[in-house]
Amino acid sequence: MLKKRFWLTALMGLAAWNTYAQGNGVAGITEATDMVTSYFDPATRLIYAIGAVVGLIGGAKVYSKFSSGDPDTSKTAASWFGACIFLIVAATILRSFFL
């Protein structure tokens, strides 16, 4: 019984020492934060580029409908340019919120 108690105490001490050696995890959290924030600039630029492409495609679609005399031009313009504005505003707000 004494041997079991000794080994159990030694095992608990080793587990506590191993846990203490890991620290409080600040270095890992800091590294993860740096990695995540390093992705925001390229992601924001990508979303701006997608917004520009959506705007160009929307402009072409609206011009095509306007030239053909389609009466539904205003709804098409609102939907395409609304999507473009949403992409740009969403990227800006997300960037300012997380950085």
PDB file of N, CA and C in Angstrom:
ATOM      1  N   MET A   1       0.826  -1.182   0.000  1.00  0.00           N
ATOM      2  CA  MET A   1       0.000   0.000   0.000  1.00  0.00           C
ATOM      3  C   MET A   1       0.874   1.251   0.000  1.00  0.00           C
ATOM      4  N   LEU A   2       2.002   1.165   0.688  1.00  0.00           N
ATOM      5  CA  LEU A   2       2.915   2.307   0.754  1.00  0.00           C
ATOM      6  C   LEU A   2       3.537   2.579  -0.601  1.00  0.00           C
ATOM      7  N   LYS A   3       3.842   1.529  -1.363  1.00  0.00           N
ATOM      8  CA  LYS A   3       4.415   1.704  -2.698  1.00  0.00           C
ATOM      9  C   LYS A   3       3.402   2.372  -3.630  1.00  0.00           C
ATOM     10  N   LYS A   4       2.135   1.967  -3.549  1.00  0.00           N
ATOM     11  CA  LYS A   4       1.105   2.578  -4.390  1.00  0.00           C
ATOM     12  C   LYS A   4       0.975   4.064  -4.086  1.00  0.00           C
ATOM     13  N   ARG A   5       0.981   4.391  -2.811  1.00  0.00           N
ATOM     14  CA  ARG A   5       0.850   5.786  -2.405  1.00  0.00           C
ATOM     15  C   ARG A   5       2.051   6.596  -2.891  1.00  0.00           C
ATOM     16  N   PHE A   6       3.245   6.018  -2.806  1.00  0.00           N
ATOM     17  CA  PHE A   6       4.456   6.704  -3.269  1.00  0.00           C
ATOM     18  C   PHE A   6       4.390   6.958  -4.770  1.00  0.00           C
ATOM     19  N   TRP A   7       4.035   5.923  -5.541  1.00  0.00           N
ATOM     20  CA  TRP A   7       3.990   6.080  -6.993  1.00  0.00           C
ATOM     21  C   TRP A   7       2.865   7.031  -7.421  1.00  0.00           C
ATOM     22  N   LEU A   8       1.759   6.986  -6.724  1.00  0.00           N
ATOM     23  CA  LEU A   8       0.667   7.898  -7.025  1.00  0.00           C
ATOM     24  C   LEU A   8       1.071   9.344  -6.750  1.00  0.00           C
ATOM     25  N   THR A   9       1.759   9.576  -5.644  1.00  0.00           N
ATOM     26  CA  THR A   9       2.245  10.916  -5.322  1.00  0.00           C
ATOM     27  C   THR A   9       3.282  11.378  -6.337  1.00  0.00           C
ATOM     28  N   ALA A  10       4.172  10.476  -6.729  1.00  0.00           N
ATOM     29  CA  ALA A  10       5.189  10.828  -7.722  1.00  0.00           C
ATOM     30  C   ALA A  10       4.533  11.140  -9.067  1.00  0.00           C
ATOM     31  N   LEU A  11       3.538  10.377  -9.438  1.00  0.00           N
ATOM     32  CA  LEU A  11       2.833  10.613 -10.699  1.00  0.00           C
ATOM     33  C   LEU A  11       2.087  11.942 -10.673  1.00  0.00           C
ATOM     34  N   MET A  12       1.443  12.252  -9.574  1.00  0.00           N
ATOM     35  CA  MET A  12       0.739  13.533  -9.443  1.00  0.00           C
ATOM     36  C   MET A  12       1.720  14.700  -9.492  1.00  0.00           C
ATOM     37  N   GLY A  13       2.863  14.534  -8.832  1.00  0.00           N
ATOM     38  CA  GLY A  13       3.873  15.589  -8.875  1.00  0.00           C
ATOM     39  C   GLY A  13       4.418  15.794 -10.277  1.00  0.00           C
ATOM     40  N   LEU A  14       4.627  14.708 -10.993  1.00  0.00           N
ATOM     41  CA  LEU A  14       5.112  14.797 -12.367  1.00  0.00           C
ATOM     42  C   LEU A  14       4.073  15.466 -13.266  1.00  0.00           C
ATOM     43  N   ALA A  15       2.800  15.127 -13.080  1.00  0.00           N
ATOM     44  CA  ALA A  15       1.737  15.750 -13.876  1.00  0.00           C
ATOM     45  C   ALA A  15       1.641  17.242 -13.577  1.00  0.00           C
ATOM     46  N   ALA A  16       1.758  17.624 -12.325  1.00  0.00           N
ATOM     47  CA  ALA A  16       1.707  19.042 -11.961  1.00  0.00           C
ATOM     48  C   ALA A  16       2.913  19.780 -12.525  1.00  0.00           C
ATOM     49  N   TRP A  17       4.081  19.150 -12.482  1.00  0.00           N
ATOM     50  CA  TRP A  17       5.292  19.788 -13.009  1.00  0.00           C
ATOM     51  C   TRP A  17       5.182  19.956 -14.523  1.00  0.00           C
ATOM     52  N   ASN A  18       4.635  18.948 -15.204  1.00  0.00           N
ATOM     53  CA  ASN A  18       4.477  19.007 -16.648  1.00  0.00           C
ATOM     54  C   ASN A  18       3.474  20.105 -17.028  1.00  0.00           C
ATOM     55  N   THR A  19       2.410  20.239 -16.264  1.00  0.00           N
ATOM     56  CA  THR A  19       1.422  21.285 -16.526  1.00  0.00           C
ATOM     57  C   THR A  19       2.025  22.657 -16.280  1.00  0.00           C
ATOM     58  N   TYR A  20       2.807  22.805 -15.249  1.00  0.00           N
ATOM     59  CA  TYR A  20       3.441  24.080 -14.942  1.00  0.00           C
ATOM     60  C   TYR A  20       4.463  24.437 -16.016  1.00  0.00           C
ATOM     61  N   ALA A  21       5.109  23.452 -16.598  1.00  0.00           N
ATOM     62  CA  ALA A  21       6.123  23.716 -17.611  1.00  0.00           C
ATOM     63  C   ALA A  21       5.506  24.262 -18.894  1.00  0.00           C
ATOM     64  N   GLN A  22       4.228  24.008 -19.127  1.00  0.00           N
ATOM     65  CA  GLN A  22       3.584  24.491 -20.330  1.00  0.00           C
ATOM     66  C   GLN A  22       3.276  25.980 -20.260  1.00  0.00           C
ATOM     67  N   GLY A  23       3.257  26.562 -19.114  1.00  0.00           N
ATOM     68  CA  GLY A  23       2.979  27.988 -18.975  1.00  0.00           C
ATOM     69  C   GLY A  23       1.493  28.254 -19.045  1.00  0.00           C
ATOM     70  N   ASN A  24       1.165  29.524 -19.206  1.00  0.00           N
ATOM     71  CA  ASN A  24      -0.250  29.880 -19.231  1.00  0.00           C
ATOM     72  C   ASN A  24      -0.793  30.027 -20.652  1.00  0.00           C
ATOM     73  N   GLY A  25      -0.018  29.767 -21.664  1.00  0.00           N
ATOM     74  CA  GLY A  25      -0.486  29.762 -23.032  1.00  0.00           C
ATOM     75  C   GLY A  25      -0.520  31.115 -23.706  1.00  0.00           C
ATOM     76  N   VAL A  26       0.067  32.125 -23.085  1.00  0.00           N
ATOM     77  CA  VAL A  26       0.044  33.461 -23.659  1.00  0.00           C
ATOM     78  C   VAL A  26       0.797  33.500 -24.984  1.00  0.00           C
ATOM     79  N   ALA A  27       1.900  32.788 -25.066  1.00  0.00           N
ATOM     80  CA  ALA A  27       2.684  32.789 -26.307  1.00  0.00           C
ATOM     81  C   ALA A  27       1.879  32.166 -27.450  1.00  0.00           C
ATOM     82  N   GLY A  28       1.161  31.108 -27.173  1.00  0.00           N
ATOM     83  CA  GLY A  28       0.352  30.464 -28.206  1.00  0.00           C
ATOM     84  C   GLY A  28      -0.804  31.333 -28.655  1.00  0.00           C
ATOM     85  N   ILE A  29      -1.449  31.999 -27.704  1.00  0.00           N
ATOM     86  CA  ILE A  29      -2.559  32.884 -28.047  1.00  0.00           C
ATOM     87  C   ILE A  29      -2.059  34.075 -28.845  1.00  0.00           C
ATOM     88  N   THR A  30      -0.914  34.614 -28.474  1.00  0.00           N
ATOM     89  CA  THR A  30      -0.345  35.742 -29.205  1.00  0.00           C
ATOM     90  C   THR A  30       0.027  35.338 -30.621  1.00  0.00           C
ATOM     91  N   GLU A  31       0.605  34.167 -30.777  1.00  0.00           N
ATOM     92  CA  GLU A  31       0.970  33.687 -32.111  1.00  0.00           C
ATOM     93  C   GLU A  31      -0.271  33.461 -32.976  1.00  0.00           C
ATOM     94  N   ALA A  32      -1.318  32.889 -32.396  1.00  0.00           N
ATOM     95  CA  ALA A  32      -2.557  32.673 -33.149  1.00  0.00           C
ATOM     96  C   ALA A  32      -3.192  33.999 -33.550  1.00  0.00           C
ATOM     97  N   THR A  33      -3.162  34.981 -32.652  1.00  0.00           N
ATOM     98  CA  THR A  33      -3.713  36.299 -32.970  1.00  0.00           C
ATOM     99  C   THR A  33      -2.932  36.951 -34.098  1.00  0.00           C
ATOM    100  N   ASP A  34      -1.619  36.854 -34.059  1.00  0.00           N
ATOM    101  CA  ASP A  34      -0.800  37.419 -35.128  1.00  0.00           C
ATOM    102  C   ASP A  34      -1.065  36.736 -36.469  1.00  0.00           C
ATOM    103  N   MET A  35      -1.247  35.419 -36.442  1.00  0.00           N
ATOM    104  CA  MET A  35      -1.516  34.698 -37.683  1.00  0.00           C
ATOM    105  C   MET A  35      -2.866  35.097 -38.274  1.00  0.00           C
ATOM    106  N   VAL A  36      -3.884  35.223 -37.420  1.00  0.00           N
ATOM    107  CA  VAL A  36      -5.215  35.582 -37.916  1.00  0.00           C
ATOM    108  C   VAL A  36      -5.225  37.005 -38.449  1.00  0.00           C
ATOM    109  N   THR A  37      -4.600  37.936 -37.741  1.00  0.00           N
ATOM    110  CA  THR A  37      -4.603  39.326 -38.208  1.00  0.00           C
ATOM    111  C   THR A  37      -3.746  39.515 -39.453  1.00  0.00           C
ATOM    112  N   SER A  38      -2.803  38.631 -39.705  1.00  0.00           N
ATOM    113  CA  SER A  38      -2.002  38.759 -40.921  1.00  0.00           C
ATOM    114  C   SER A  38      -2.808  38.399 -42.168  1.00  0.00           C
ATOM    115  N   TYR A  39      -3.936  37.698 -42.004  1.00  0.00           N
ATOM    116  CA  TYR A  39      -4.774  37.335 -43.141  1.00  0.00           C
ATOM    117  C   TYR A  39      -5.765  38.425 -43.524  1.00  0.00           C
ATOM    118  N   PHE A  40      -5.955  39.435 -42.687  1.00  0.00           N
ATOM    119  CA  PHE A  40      -6.993  40.421 -42.947  1.00  0.00           C
ATOM    120  C   PHE A  40      -6.670  41.324 -44.133  1.00  0.00           C
ATOM    121  N   ASP A  41      -5.437  41.752 -44.302  1.00  0.00           N
ATOM    122  CA  ASP A  41      -5.109  42.630 -45.423  1.00  0.00           C
ATOM    123  C   ASP A  41      -5.316  41.937 -46.775  1.00  0.00           C
ATOM    124  N   PRO A  42      -4.784  40.726 -46.984  1.00  0.00           N
ATOM    125  CA  PRO A  42      -5.060  40.064 -48.268  1.00  0.00           C
ATOM    126  C   PRO A  42      -6.537  39.742 -48.473  1.00  0.00           C
ATOM    127  N   ALA A  43      -7.241  39.351 -47.409  1.00  0.00           N
ATOM    128  CA  ALA A  43      -8.662  39.030 -47.541  1.00  0.00           C
ATOM    129  C   ALA A  43      -9.471  40.281 -47.875  1.00  0.00           C
ATOM    130  N   THR A  44      -9.125  41.414 -47.258  1.00  0.00           N
ATOM    131  CA  THR A  44      -9.824  42.656 -47.558  1.00  0.00           C
ATOM    132  C   THR A  44      -9.598  43.072 -48.996  1.00  0.00           C
ATOM    133  N   ARG A  45      -8.380  42.953 -49.463  1.00  0.00           N
ATOM    134  CA  ARG A  45      -8.096  43.293 -50.863  1.00  0.00           C
ATOM    135  C   ARG A  45      -8.836  42.363 -51.821  1.00  0.00           C
ATOM    136  N   LEU A  46      -8.920  41.099 -51.471  1.00  0.00           N
ATOM    137  CA  LEU A  46      -9.646  40.144 -52.306  1.00  0.00           C
ATOM    138  C   LEU A  46     -11.129  40.499 -52.377  1.00  0.00           C
ATOM    139  N   ILE A  47     -11.717  40.863 -51.255  1.00  0.00           N
ATOM    140  CA  ILE A  47     -13.131  41.233 -51.239  1.00  0.00           C
ATOM    141  C   ILE A  47     -13.350  42.519 -52.026  1.00  0.00           C
ATOM    142  N   TYR A  48     -12.413  43.474 -51.936  1.00  0.00           N
ATOM    143  CA  TYR A  48     -12.529  44.694 -52.743  1.00  0.00           C
ATOM    144  C   TYR A  48     -12.457  44.363 -54.233  1.00  0.00           C
ATOM    145  N   ALA A  49     -11.591  43.456 -54.610  1.00  0.00           N
ATOM    146  CA  ALA A  49     -11.478  43.063 -56.020  1.00  0.00           C
ATOM    147  C   ALA A  49     -12.751  42.368 -56.485  1.00  0.00           C
ATOM    148  N   ILE A  50     -13.304  41.503 -55.655  1.00  0.00           N
ATOM    149  CA  ILE A  50     -14.563  40.840 -56.007  1.00  0.00           C
ATOM    150  C   ILE A  50     -15.678  41.871 -56.145  1.00  0.00           C
ATOM    151  N   GLY A  51     -15.706  42.860 -55.253  1.00  0.00           N
ATOM    152  CA  GLY A  51     -16.697  43.932 -55.348  1.00  0.00           C
ATOM    153  C   GLY A  51     -16.557  44.727 -56.634  1.00  0.00           C
ATOM    154  N   ALA A  52     -15.310  44.968 -57.053  1.00  0.00           N
ATOM    155  CA  ALA A  52     -15.090  45.697 -58.307  1.00  0.00           C
ATOM    156  C   ALA A  52     -15.578  44.882 -59.505  1.00  0.00           C
ATOM    157  N   VAL A  53     -15.311  43.591 -59.501  1.00  0.00           N
ATOM    158  CA  VAL A  53     -15.768  42.729 -60.598  1.00  0.00           C
ATOM    159  C   VAL A  53     -17.291  42.664 -60.619  1.00  0.00           C
ATOM    160  N   VAL A  54     -17.908  42.552 -59.455  1.00  0.00           N
ATOM    161  CA  VAL A  54     -19.373  42.533 -59.383  1.00  0.00           C
ATOM    162  C   VAL A  54     -19.932  43.853 -59.907  1.00  0.00           C
ATOM    163  N   GLY A  55     -19.273  44.966 -59.575  1.00  0.00           N
ATOM    164  CA  GLY A  55     -19.718  46.260 -60.081  1.00  0.00           C
ATOM    165  C   GLY A  55     -19.612  46.365 -61.590  1.00  0.00           C
ATOM    166  N   LEU A  56     -18.522  45.860 -62.156  1.00  0.00           N
ATOM    167  CA  LEU A  56     -18.366  45.892 -63.611  1.00  0.00           C
ATOM    168  C   LEU A  56     -19.390  45.011 -64.320  1.00  0.00           C
ATOM    169  N   ILE A  57     -19.598  43.816 -63.794  1.00  0.00           N
ATOM    170  CA  ILE A  57     -20.591  42.920 -64.388  1.00  0.00           C
ATOM    171  C   ILE A  57     -21.984  43.526 -64.267  1.00  0.00           C
ATOM    172  N   GLY A  58     -22.261  44.116 -63.108  1.00  0.00           N
ATOM    173  CA  GLY A  58     -23.563  44.756 -62.917  1.00  0.00           C
ATOM    174  C   GLY A  58     -23.760  45.921 -63.867  1.00  0.00           C
ATOM    175  N   GLY A  59     -22.710  46.712 -64.062  1.00  0.00           N
ATOM    176  CA  GLY A  59     -22.811  47.821 -65.010  1.00  0.00           C
ATOM    177  C   GLY A  59     -23.092  47.343 -66.418  1.00  0.00           C
ATOM    178  N   ALA A  60     -22.440  46.275 -66.812  1.00  0.00           N
ATOM    179  CA  ALA A  60     -22.671  45.727 -68.153  1.00  0.00           C
ATOM    180  C   ALA A  60     -24.091  45.184 -68.289  1.00  0.00           C
ATOM    181  N   LYS A  61     -24.582  44.504 -67.254  1.00  0.00           N
ATOM    182  CA  LYS A  61     -25.943  43.965 -67.304  1.00  0.00           C
ATOM    183  C   LYS A  61     -26.980  45.088 -67.358  1.00  0.00           C
ATOM    184  N   VAL A  62     -26.776  46.128 -66.554  1.00  0.00           N
ATOM    185  CA  VAL A  62     -27.719  47.245 -66.532  1.00  0.00           C
ATOM    186  C   VAL A  62     -27.694  47.973 -67.877  1.00  0.00           C
ATOM    187  N   TYR A  63     -26.517  48.176 -68.440  1.00  0.00           N
ATOM    188  CA  TYR A  63     -26.416  48.839 -69.744  1.00  0.00           C
ATOM    189  C   TYR A  63     -27.098  48.017 -70.827  1.00  0.00           C
ATOM    190  N   SER A  64     -26.924  46.700 -70.762  1.00  0.00           N
ATOM    191  CA  SER A  64     -27.560  45.814 -71.738  1.00  0.00           C
ATOM    192  C   SER A  64     -29.077  45.901 -71.640  1.00  0.00           C
ATOM    193  N   LYS A  65     -29.597  45.879 -70.425  1.00  0.00           N
ATOM    194  CA  LYS A  65     -31.053  45.972 -70.243  1.00  0.00           C
ATOM    195  C   LYS A  65     -31.568  47.349 -70.645  1.00  0.00           C
ATOM    196  N   PHE A  66     -30.800  48.399 -70.319  1.00  0.00           N
ATOM    197  CA  PHE A  66     -31.228  49.758 -70.660  1.00  0.00           C
ATOM    198  C   PHE A  66     -31.235  49.964 -72.172  1.00  0.00           C
ATOM    199  N   SER A  67     -30.235  49.398 -72.845  1.00  0.00           N
ATOM    200  CA  SER A  67     -30.149  49.541 -74.298  1.00  0.00           C
ATOM    201  C   SER A  67     -31.258  48.792 -75.020  1.00  0.00           C
ATOM    202  N   SER A  68     -31.681  47.672 -74.464  1.00  0.00           N
ATOM    203  CA  SER A  68     -32.734  46.893 -75.103  1.00  0.00           C
ATOM    204  C   SER A  68     -34.130  47.419 -74.779  1.00  0.00           C
ATOM    205  N   GLY A  69     -34.223  48.411 -73.892  1.00  0.00           N
ATOM    206  CA  GLY A  69     -35.515  49.009 -73.562  1.00  0.00           C
ATOM    207  C   GLY A  69     -36.301  48.231 -72.523  1.00  0.00           C
ATOM    208  N   ASP A  70     -35.644  47.414 -71.758  1.00  0.00           N
ATOM    209  CA  ASP A  70     -36.314  46.630 -70.713  1.00  0.00           C
ATOM    210  C   ASP A  70     -36.791  47.564 -69.598  1.00  0.00           C
ATOM    211  N   PRO A  71     -38.047  47.470 -69.181  1.00  0.00           N
ATOM    212  CA  PRO A  71     -38.546  48.369 -68.126  1.00  0.00           C
ATOM    213  C   PRO A  71     -38.059  47.992 -66.723  1.00  0.00           C
ATOM    214  N   ASP A  72     -37.394  46.860 -66.586  1.00  0.00           N
ATOM    215  CA  ASP A  72     -36.949  46.368 -65.276  1.00  0.00           C
ATOM    216  C   ASP A  72     -35.516  46.802 -64.966  1.00  0.00           C
ATOM    217  N   THR A  73     -35.056  47.883 -65.540  1.00  0.00           N
ATOM    218  CA  THR A  73     -33.663  48.302 -65.390  1.00  0.00           C
ATOM    219  C   THR A  73     -33.339  48.752 -63.971  1.00  0.00           C
ATOM    220  N   SER A  74     -34.254  49.445 -63.332  1.00  0.00           N
ATOM    221  CA  SER A  74     -33.960  49.982 -61.996  1.00  0.00           C
ATOM    222  C   SER A  74     -33.795  48.872 -60.966  1.00  0.00           C
ATOM    223  N   LYS A  75     -34.588  47.809 -61.059  1.00  0.00           N
ATOM    224  CA  LYS A  75     -34.457  46.691 -60.119  1.00  0.00           C
ATOM    225  C   LYS A  75     -33.123  45.963 -60.318  1.00  0.00           C
ATOM    226  N   THR A  76     -32.745  45.795 -61.567  1.00  0.00           N
ATOM    227  CA  THR A  76     -31.466  45.146 -61.857  1.00  0.00           C
ATOM    228  C   THR A  76     -30.297  45.989 -61.357  1.00  0.00           C
ATOM    229  N   ALA A  77     -30.375  47.294 -61.575  1.00  0.00           N
ATOM    230  CA  ALA A  77     -29.305  48.182 -61.112  1.00  0.00           C
ATOM    231  C   ALA A  77     -29.210  48.166 -59.595  1.00  0.00           C
ATOM    232  N   ALA A  78     -30.343  48.198 -58.933  1.00  0.00           N
ATOM    233  CA  ALA A  78     -30.338  48.194 -57.467  1.00  0.00           C
ATOM    234  C   ALA A  78     -29.754  46.898 -56.923  1.00  0.00           C
ATOM    235  N   SER A  79     -30.089  45.773 -57.528  1.00  0.00           N
ATOM    236  CA  SER A  79     -29.584  44.497 -57.008  1.00  0.00           C
ATOM    237  C   SER A  79     -28.082  44.337 -57.240  1.00  0.00           C
ATOM    238  N   TRP A  80     -27.594  44.655 -58.432  1.00  0.00           N
ATOM    239  CA  TRP A  80     -26.165  44.492 -58.711  1.00  0.00           C
ATOM    240  C   TRP A  80     -25.314  45.482 -57.919  1.00  0.00           C
ATOM    241  N   PHE A  81     -25.697  46.726 -57.927  1.00  0.00           N
ATOM    242  CA  PHE A  81     -24.892  47.713 -57.217  1.00  0.00           C
ATOM    243  C   PHE A  81     -25.055  47.602 -55.706  1.00  0.00           C
ATOM    244  N   GLY A  82     -26.207  47.106 -55.273  1.00  0.00           N
ATOM    245  CA  GLY A  82     -26.377  46.817 -53.845  1.00  0.00           C
ATOM    246  C   GLY A  82     -25.433  45.717 -53.382  1.00  0.00           C
ATOM    247  N   ALA A  83     -25.265  44.705 -54.217  1.00  0.00           N
ATOM    248  CA  ALA A  83     -24.323  43.628 -53.884  1.00  0.00           C
ATOM    249  C   ALA A  83     -22.891  44.150 -53.840  1.00  0.00           C
ATOM    250  N   CYS A  84     -22.569  45.019 -54.786  1.00  0.00           N
ATOM    251  CA  CYS A  84     -21.222  45.601 -54.818  1.00  0.00           C
ATOM    252  C   CYS A  84     -20.958  46.443 -53.570  1.00  0.00           C
ATOM    253  N   ILE A  85     -21.893  47.281 -53.218  1.00  0.00           N
ATOM    254  CA  ILE A  85     -21.736  48.136 -52.034  1.00  0.00           C
ATOM    255  C   ILE A  85     -21.686  47.293 -50.774  1.00  0.00           C
ATOM    256  N   PHE A  86     -22.505  46.243 -50.700  1.00  0.00           N
ATOM    257  CA  PHE A  86     -22.476  45.368 -49.531  1.00  0.00           C
ATOM    258  C   PHE A  86     -21.103  44.733 -49.354  1.00  0.00           C
ATOM    259  N   LEU A  87     -20.502  44.241 -50.424  1.00  0.00           N
ATOM    260  CA  LEU A  87     -19.179  43.623 -50.315  1.00  0.00           C
ATOM    261  C   LEU A  87     -18.146  44.612 -49.791  1.00  0.00           C
ATOM    262  N   ILE A  88     -18.159  45.813 -50.308  1.00  0.00           N
ATOM    263  CA  ILE A  88     -17.167  46.802 -49.895  1.00  0.00           C
ATOM    264  C   ILE A  88     -17.390  47.226 -48.446  1.00  0.00           C
ATOM    265  N   VAL A  89     -18.633  47.477 -48.071  1.00  0.00           N
ATOM    266  CA  VAL A  89     -18.922  47.903 -46.698  1.00  0.00           C
ATOM    267  C   VAL A  89     -18.660  46.766 -45.714  1.00  0.00           C
ATOM    268  N   ALA A  90     -19.030  45.545 -46.074  1.00  0.00           N
ATOM    269  CA  ALA A  90     -18.799  44.411 -45.180  1.00  0.00           C
ATOM    270  C   ALA A  90     -17.313  44.187 -44.948  1.00  0.00           C
ATOM    271  N   ALA A  91     -16.499  44.304 -45.983  1.00  0.00           N
ATOM    272  CA  ALA A  91     -15.052  44.133 -45.811  1.00  0.00           C
ATOM    273  C   ALA A  91     -14.480  45.224 -44.918  1.00  0.00           C
ATOM    274  N   THR A  92     -14.930  46.447 -45.097  1.00  0.00           N
ATOM    275  CA  THR A  92     -14.429  47.552 -44.288  1.00  0.00           C
ATOM    276  C   THR A  92     -14.839  47.401 -42.830  1.00  0.00           C
ATOM    277  N   ILE A  93     -16.081  47.038 -42.595  1.00  0.00           N
ATOM    278  CA  ILE A  93     -16.559  46.892 -41.208  1.00  0.00           C
ATOM    279  C   ILE A  93     -15.878  45.722 -40.523  1.00  0.00           C
ATOM    280  N   LEU A  94     -15.734  44.588 -41.202  1.00  0.00           N
ATOM    281  CA  LEU A  94     -15.055  43.449 -40.595  1.00  0.00           C
ATOM    282  C   LEU A  94     -13.601  43.769 -40.271  1.00  0.00           C
ATOM    283  N   ARG A  95     -12.946  44.474 -41.154  1.00  0.00           N
ATOM    284  CA  ARG A  95     -11.550  44.835 -40.917  1.00  0.00           C
ATOM    285  C   ARG A  95     -11.432  45.766 -39.715  1.00  0.00           C
ATOM    286  N   SER A  96     -12.315  46.761 -39.641  1.00  0.00           N
ATOM    287  CA  SER A  96     -12.246  47.695 -38.517  1.00  0.00           C
ATOM    288  C   SER A  96     -12.692  47.039 -37.216  1.00  0.00           C
ATOM    289  N   PHE A  97     -13.558  46.051 -37.291  1.00  0.00           N
ATOM    290  CA  PHE A  97     -14.034  45.372 -36.085  1.00  0.00           C
ATOM    291  C   PHE A  97     -12.965  44.464 -35.494  1.00  0.00           C
ATOM    292  N   PHE A  98     -12.237  43.741 -36.328  1.00  0.00           N
ATOM    293  CA  PHE A  98     -11.272  42.776 -35.835  1.00  0.00           C
ATOM    294  C   PHE A  98      -9.865  43.327 -35.685  1.00  0.00           C
ATOM    295  N   LEU A  99      -9.558  44.451 -36.290  1.00  0.00           N
ATOM    296  CA  LEU A  99      -8.221  45.030 -36.135  1.00  0.00           C
ATOM    297  C   LEU A  99      -8.361  46.264 -35.364  1.00  0.00           C
TER     298      LEU A  99
END
